[in-house]
Amino acid sequence: MTAAPKTRFLGSSSAPAARRRSRESGYAYLLALFMVMALIITSQTLLENLATQGRRMREQQTIWRGEQCERAIRLYYHKTGHYPQTFDDLISGQAELHFLRVEAEKNPMNKTDGTWRFIYINAAGQIIGSVKYATLQQMAIMDLNHGKIPKVMPGAVSASSLAAQSEATSNSPNGPNSQQDDMNFGEQTENPLAALKPTGPVDGPVIGGFLTGVAGKTDAKSLIVYKGGKKYLDWEFIWNPIEDQARAMQQQSNGSTNGAIPGLGNLPGLPAGLTGAGASPSGTSATPGATGASPSTPTGAPNSTIPDQNSN
């Protein structure tokens, strides 16, 4: 008798191979999914970096253009003897004399219309339209002291007053180390300029005001911190003749100011008619009901003592 042929079951031998191929397919799918996700994340990061870089470049361009506007106001004053009344005065200039570059007319960070916010000065030295400064002297003190207003002495310390203090101390019953000195000489007090508040942004022209600077209009955080301003609204480009005079004094004294600059007590060089300190912080916008200095009051004169350091 012949033996019966053996039966072969093909399905039983191919099942492990199918399961193995299924696992390999799952691994390949996960690997491809991971690669796609990594590519998406990398692309998104690259796009964000490019956007940040582009925004930073626009901010740098805004600073450059703002400083060009500030420079143009300085040049305008030194060439004409008075402040410009409008921004158009800088753009149009005079016969064969231009003050502002064409590319500096627009604000790159203002995507709406590219305009600047304007800042004015009146005859009393009050800054109108600023969110940081109230007067020229307050601005000079803050800029020279890293945005702060230092305390001031109650009076000038002269040799005679120091001698009087020394004599009073030596005659004190508690001796020279007495803490009960009735004179309290040399005690620092709050600077009166610290009480002055900025007017904030103004809309439209200002009665009795003359253009002294431009500023950002967008109330958004910036990547670059410009003069302590962390928002575009805080970026202000103001020409301050007091600061020009202070820099000239620093150069003449080889960088030593003998303590004169922090107080700016009797600093010369203000344009004629500008006192620079003590101005009322009330606004003088041209809106109905606003008040301001008389427009006829001169704010500059050709014989100003301000040195033209940056006219070239």
Protein backbone atom coordinates (compact mmCIF):
# COMPACT_ATOMS: atom_id res chain seq x y z
CA MET A 1 0.00 0.00 0.00
CA THR A 2 1.16 3.45 -0.74
CA ALA A 3 1.35 6.13 1.95
CA ALA A 4 -1.15 8.97 1.81
CA PRO A 5 0.33 12.29 0.66
CA LYS A 6 0.97 14.88 3.34
CA THR A 7 -1.26 17.93 3.29
CA ARG A 8 0.49 21.33 3.31
CA PHE A 9 -1.29 24.37 4.84
CA LEU A 10 0.15 27.44 3.17
CA GLY A 11 -1.73 29.86 5.41
CA SER A 12 -0.11 28.69 8.59
CA SER A 13 3.44 29.34 7.34
CA SER A 14 2.72 32.83 5.89
CA ALA A 15 1.01 34.27 9.00
CA PRO A 16 4.24 35.16 10.89
CA ALA A 17 5.65 36.86 7.81
CA ALA A 18 2.50 38.93 7.40
CA ARG A 19 2.60 40.03 11.00
CA ARG A 20 6.26 40.95 10.59
CA ARG A 21 5.53 43.04 7.49
CA SER A 22 2.67 44.74 9.33
CA ARG A 23 4.97 45.79 12.20
CA GLU A 24 7.59 47.06 9.75
CA SER A 25 4.93 49.06 7.93
CA GLY A 26 3.83 50.61 11.23
CA TYR A 27 7.40 51.60 12.07
CA ALA A 28 7.87 53.15 8.65
CA TYR A 29 4.63 55.11 9.04
CA LEU A 30 5.68 56.44 12.45
CA LEU A 31 9.11 57.37 11.09
CA ALA A 32 7.58 59.23 8.15
CA LEU A 33 5.12 60.98 10.47
CA PHE A 34 7.96 62.02 12.77
CA MET A 35 9.97 63.38 9.84
CA VAL A 36 6.99 65.37 8.56
CA MET A 37 6.34 66.84 12.02
CA ALA A 38 10.02 67.72 12.42
CA LEU A 39 9.98 69.39 9.01
CA ILE A 40 6.88 71.40 9.93
CA ILE A 41 8.36 72.51 13.26
CA THR A 42 11.65 73.44 11.61
CA SER A 43 9.86 75.39 8.90
CA GLN A 44 7.70 77.19 11.44
CA THR A 45 10.74 78.11 13.54
CA LEU A 46 12.55 79.32 10.43
CA LEU A 47 9.58 81.45 9.42
CA GLU A 48 9.33 82.93 12.92
CA ASN A 49 13.04 83.74 12.89
CA LEU A 50 12.71 85.36 9.49
CA ALA A 51 9.71 87.37 10.70
CA THR A 52 11.59 88.44 13.84
CA GLN A 53 14.62 89.38 11.80
CA GLY A 54 12.49 91.38 9.40
CA ARG A 55 10.76 93.14 12.29
CA ARG A 56 14.09 93.96 13.90
CA MET A 57 15.33 95.42 10.62
CA ARG A 58 12.21 97.59 10.38
CA GLU A 59 12.78 98.76 13.96
CA GLN A 60 16.38 99.68 13.15
CA GLN A 61 15.15 101.53 10.09
CA THR A 62 12.58 103.35 12.24
CA ILE A 63 15.27 104.48 14.67
CA TRP A 64 17.46 105.69 11.81
CA ARG A 65 14.61 107.62 10.21
CA GLY A 66 13.52 109.11 13.53
CA GLU A 67 17.03 110.32 14.25
CA GLN A 68 17.17 111.78 10.75
CA CYS A 69 14.02 113.77 11.57
CA GLU A 70 15.61 114.97 14.81
CA ARG A 71 18.74 115.97 12.90
CA ALA A 72 16.64 117.80 10.31
CA ILE A 73 14.97 119.90 13.01
CA ARG A 74 18.37 120.81 14.43
CA LEU A 75 19.66 121.81 11.01
CA TYR A 76 16.51 123.78 10.26
CA TYR A 77 16.90 125.79 13.45
CA HIS A 78 20.57 126.53 12.90
CA LYS A 79 19.98 127.56 9.28
CA THR A 80 16.83 129.63 9.77
CA GLY A 81 17.06 130.78 13.39
CA HIS A 82 13.67 129.34 14.39
CA TYR A 83 11.87 126.04 14.78
CA PRO A 84 9.82 124.56 11.93
CA GLN A 85 6.11 124.93 12.44
CA THR A 86 5.09 121.80 10.53
CA PHE A 87 6.63 118.62 9.23
CA ASP A 88 6.17 119.94 5.70
CA ASP A 89 8.69 122.68 6.47
CA LEU A 90 11.35 119.98 6.79
CA ILE A 91 10.24 118.19 3.64
CA SER A 92 9.92 121.20 1.35
CA GLY A 93 12.95 122.96 2.79
CA GLN A 94 14.11 126.16 1.15
CA ALA A 95 15.61 127.15 -2.15
CA GLU A 96 18.50 124.76 -2.84
CA LEU A 97 18.41 123.71 0.80
CA HIS A 98 16.92 120.41 1.96
CA PHE A 99 16.76 119.27 5.57
CA LEU A 100 15.11 115.84 5.54
CA ARG A 101 15.87 112.80 3.43
CA VAL A 102 12.95 111.56 1.38
CA GLU A 103 13.21 108.02 2.78
CA ALA A 104 12.90 109.36 6.34
CA GLU A 105 9.43 110.83 5.80
CA LYS A 106 7.62 107.56 6.57
CA ASN A 107 7.43 105.55 9.79
CA PRO A 108 8.15 101.89 8.93
CA MET A 109 6.38 100.57 12.04
CA ASN A 110 3.14 102.37 11.21
CA LYS A 111 1.63 100.03 8.64
CA THR A 112 -1.61 102.03 8.46
CA ASP A 113 -0.39 105.20 6.79
CA GLY A 114 3.30 105.46 7.65
CA THR A 115 2.90 108.75 9.53
CA TRP A 116 4.73 109.94 12.61
CA ARG A 117 3.36 111.32 15.85
CA PHE A 118 4.50 114.93 16.20
CA ILE A 119 5.95 116.57 19.30
CA TYR A 120 5.96 120.34 19.81
CA ILE A 121 7.68 122.95 21.97
CA ASN A 122 6.26 126.26 23.16
CA ALA A 123 7.89 129.50 24.27
CA ALA A 124 8.16 128.36 27.90
CA GLY A 125 10.20 125.28 27.00
CA GLN A 126 7.26 122.95 27.57
CA ILE A 127 7.21 119.80 25.47
CA ILE A 128 3.75 119.06 24.11
CA GLY A 129 2.80 115.67 22.74
CA SER A 130 5.39 113.58 24.57
CA VAL A 131 4.61 110.56 26.73
CA LYS A 132 7.95 110.79 28.57
CA TYR A 133 8.98 114.42 29.06
CA ALA A 134 7.31 117.60 30.26
CA THR A 135 10.01 120.22 29.61
CA LEU A 136 13.35 120.49 27.83
CA GLN A 137 15.25 120.66 31.11
CA GLN A 138 13.47 117.62 32.52
CA MET A 139 14.28 115.71 29.35
CA ALA A 140 17.95 116.70 29.51
CA ILE A 141 18.23 115.60 33.14
CA MET A 142 16.50 112.28 32.48
CA ASP A 143 18.55 111.50 29.39
CA LEU A 144 21.79 112.28 31.19
CA ASN A 145 20.81 110.16 34.21
CA HIS A 146 19.48 107.02 32.51
CA GLY A 147 15.84 108.05 32.57
CA LYS A 148 15.77 109.17 36.21
CA ILE A 149 15.59 112.58 37.86
CA PRO A 150 18.17 112.75 40.66
CA LYS A 151 17.59 114.62 43.88
CA VAL A 152 19.02 118.11 44.14
CA MET A 153 20.76 120.12 46.81
CA PRO A 154 18.76 122.94 48.45
CA GLY A 155 21.38 125.46 47.36
CA ALA A 156 24.78 125.83 45.84
CA VAL A 157 27.56 124.61 48.14
CA SER A 158 30.03 127.48 48.34
CA ALA A 159 33.23 127.76 50.31
CA SER A 160 31.66 130.21 52.78
CA SER A 161 28.70 127.94 53.45
CA LEU A 162 31.00 124.99 54.04
CA ALA A 163 33.02 127.09 56.48
CA ALA A 164 29.81 128.08 58.28
CA GLN A 165 28.78 124.45 58.53
CA SER A 166 32.20 123.46 59.86
CA GLU A 167 32.12 126.22 62.51
CA ALA A 168 28.60 125.27 63.60
CA THR A 169 29.62 121.65 63.94
CA SER A 170 32.73 122.44 65.97
CA ASN A 171 30.70 124.64 68.35
CA SER A 172 28.07 121.96 68.86
CA PRO A 173 27.91 120.60 72.43
CA ASN A 174 27.92 117.07 71.06
CA GLY A 175 31.14 117.61 69.15
CA PRO A 176 31.99 117.36 65.47
CA ASN A 177 30.27 113.99 65.12
CA SER A 178 26.94 115.31 66.30
CA GLN A 179 23.89 114.09 64.43
CA GLN A 180 21.79 116.98 65.79
CA ASP A 181 22.86 119.65 63.35
CA ASP A 182 20.04 122.17 63.02
CA MET A 183 21.33 123.39 59.70
CA ASN A 184 20.79 120.06 57.91
CA PHE A 185 23.13 121.50 55.34
CA GLY A 186 23.62 119.50 52.16
CA GLU A 187 20.52 117.37 52.61
CA GLN A 188 19.15 116.30 49.24
CA THR A 189 15.58 117.13 48.34
CA GLU A 190 13.22 116.06 45.60
CA ASN A 191 13.80 117.78 42.30
CA PRO A 192 10.83 120.03 41.44
CA LEU A 193 11.07 118.81 37.85
CA ALA A 194 10.02 115.34 39.01
CA ALA A 195 6.53 116.68 39.69
CA LEU A 196 6.01 117.74 36.07
CA LYS A 197 4.01 115.26 34.00
CA PRO A 198 4.06 114.85 30.22
CA THR A 199 1.03 115.94 28.24
CA GLY A 200 0.76 112.70 26.30
CA PRO A 201 0.01 112.47 22.57
CA VAL A 202 -1.92 115.31 20.96
CA ASP A 203 -4.00 115.34 17.80
CA GLY A 204 -3.50 118.04 15.23
CA PRO A 205 -1.48 121.26 15.41
CA VAL A 206 -0.72 122.98 18.71
CA ILE A 207 -1.47 126.64 19.39
CA GLY A 208 1.80 128.46 19.97
CA GLY A 209 3.77 125.25 19.40
CA PHE A 210 6.67 124.55 17.09
CA LEU A 211 7.83 121.17 15.84
CA THR A 212 10.68 119.76 17.89
CA GLY A 213 10.46 116.01 17.27
CA VAL A 214 8.64 112.95 15.99
CA ALA A 215 7.61 109.72 17.69
CA GLY A 216 6.04 106.33 17.10
CA LYS A 217 2.27 105.93 16.98
CA THR A 218 1.84 102.19 17.54
CA ASP A 219 1.10 101.08 21.10
CA ALA A 220 2.83 97.69 20.79
CA LYS A 221 5.88 96.12 22.38
CA SER A 222 9.15 96.40 20.50
CA LEU A 223 12.08 94.05 20.18
CA ILE A 224 14.61 96.85 20.58
CA VAL A 225 14.59 99.03 23.69
CA TYR A 226 15.27 102.59 22.54
CA LYS A 227 16.22 105.06 25.30
CA GLY A 228 14.25 103.03 27.81
CA GLY A 229 11.21 102.79 25.54
CA LYS A 230 9.88 99.24 25.29
CA LYS A 231 6.94 100.24 23.11
CA TYR A 232 6.88 102.04 19.78
CA LEU A 233 4.76 104.72 21.42
CA ASP A 234 7.69 105.44 23.76
CA TRP A 235 10.13 105.94 20.91
CA GLU A 236 10.56 109.71 20.72
CA PHE A 237 13.11 111.57 18.63
CA ILE A 238 13.25 115.09 20.06
CA TRP A 239 15.86 117.74 19.41
CA ASN A 240 16.84 119.28 22.72
CA PRO A 241 19.21 122.29 22.52
CA ILE A 242 20.04 121.90 26.20
CA GLU A 243 21.54 118.48 25.53
CA ASP A 244 23.58 119.90 22.67
CA GLN A 245 24.96 122.56 25.00
CA ALA A 246 25.67 119.97 27.70
CA ARG A 247 27.64 117.84 25.24
CA ALA A 248 29.60 120.91 24.18
CA MET A 249 30.41 121.66 27.81
CA GLN A 250 31.54 118.08 28.33
CA GLN A 251 33.86 118.29 25.36
CA GLN A 252 35.29 121.62 26.48
CA SER A 253 35.97 120.25 29.96
CA ASN A 254 37.42 116.97 28.62
CA GLY A 255 34.44 114.97 29.86
CA SER A 256 34.40 116.55 33.35
CA THR A 257 31.35 118.64 34.19
CA ASN A 258 32.20 119.34 37.85
CA GLY A 259 28.71 118.24 38.82
CA ALA A 260 26.99 120.86 36.66
CA ILE A 261 25.11 118.67 34.26
CA PRO A 262 22.96 116.57 36.65
CA GLY A 263 21.28 119.76 37.89
CA LEU A 264 21.53 121.84 34.73
CA GLY A 265 20.87 124.72 37.04
CA ASN A 266 22.06 127.63 34.88
CA LEU A 267 22.89 126.04 31.57
CA PRO A 268 23.10 128.51 28.68
CA GLY A 269 22.20 127.82 25.10
CA LEU A 270 18.41 127.76 25.05
CA PRO A 271 16.81 129.35 22.01
CA ALA A 272 15.57 132.85 22.66
CA GLY A 273 12.27 132.80 24.51
CA LEU A 274 12.68 129.28 25.91
CA THR A 275 13.27 128.88 29.62
CA GLY A 276 13.36 125.09 29.59
CA ALA A 277 12.04 124.59 33.10
CA GLY A 278 9.05 125.32 35.25
CA ALA A 279 6.57 125.21 32.40
CA SER A 280 3.06 124.24 33.23
CA PRO A 281 2.36 120.66 32.19
CA SER A 282 -1.08 121.55 30.91
CA GLY A 283 -1.69 120.67 27.29
CA THR A 284 -2.01 123.27 24.56
CA SER A 285 -3.64 121.26 21.84
CA ALA A 286 -5.52 123.12 19.19
CA THR A 287 -8.69 121.25 20.02
CA PRO A 288 -11.69 123.33 21.16
CA GLY A 289 -11.25 124.80 24.62
CA ALA A 290 -7.48 124.28 24.73
CA THR A 291 -5.16 127.02 25.81
CA GLY A 292 -1.57 127.71 24.94
CA ALA A 293 1.18 130.23 24.58
CA SER A 294 0.76 133.08 22.18
CA PRO A 295 1.74 132.09 18.63
CA SER A 296 3.45 135.44 18.21
CA THR A 297 6.00 134.66 20.91
CA PRO A 298 9.36 133.94 19.21
CA THR A 299 10.95 130.59 19.96
CA GLY A 300 14.28 131.12 18.32
CA ALA A 301 16.70 133.75 17.18
CA PRO A 302 19.61 133.72 14.74
CA ASN A 303 22.00 134.82 17.48
CA SER A 304 21.39 131.73 19.60
CA THR A 305 24.43 130.51 21.50
CA ILE A 306 23.81 126.85 20.67
CA PRO A 307 26.88 125.45 18.88
CA ASP A 308 26.14 123.82 15.52
CA GLN A 309 27.87 120.52 16.20
CA ASN A 310 26.04 118.34 13.69
CA SER A 311 25.23 120.72 10.88
CA ASN A 312 27.45 118.84 8.45
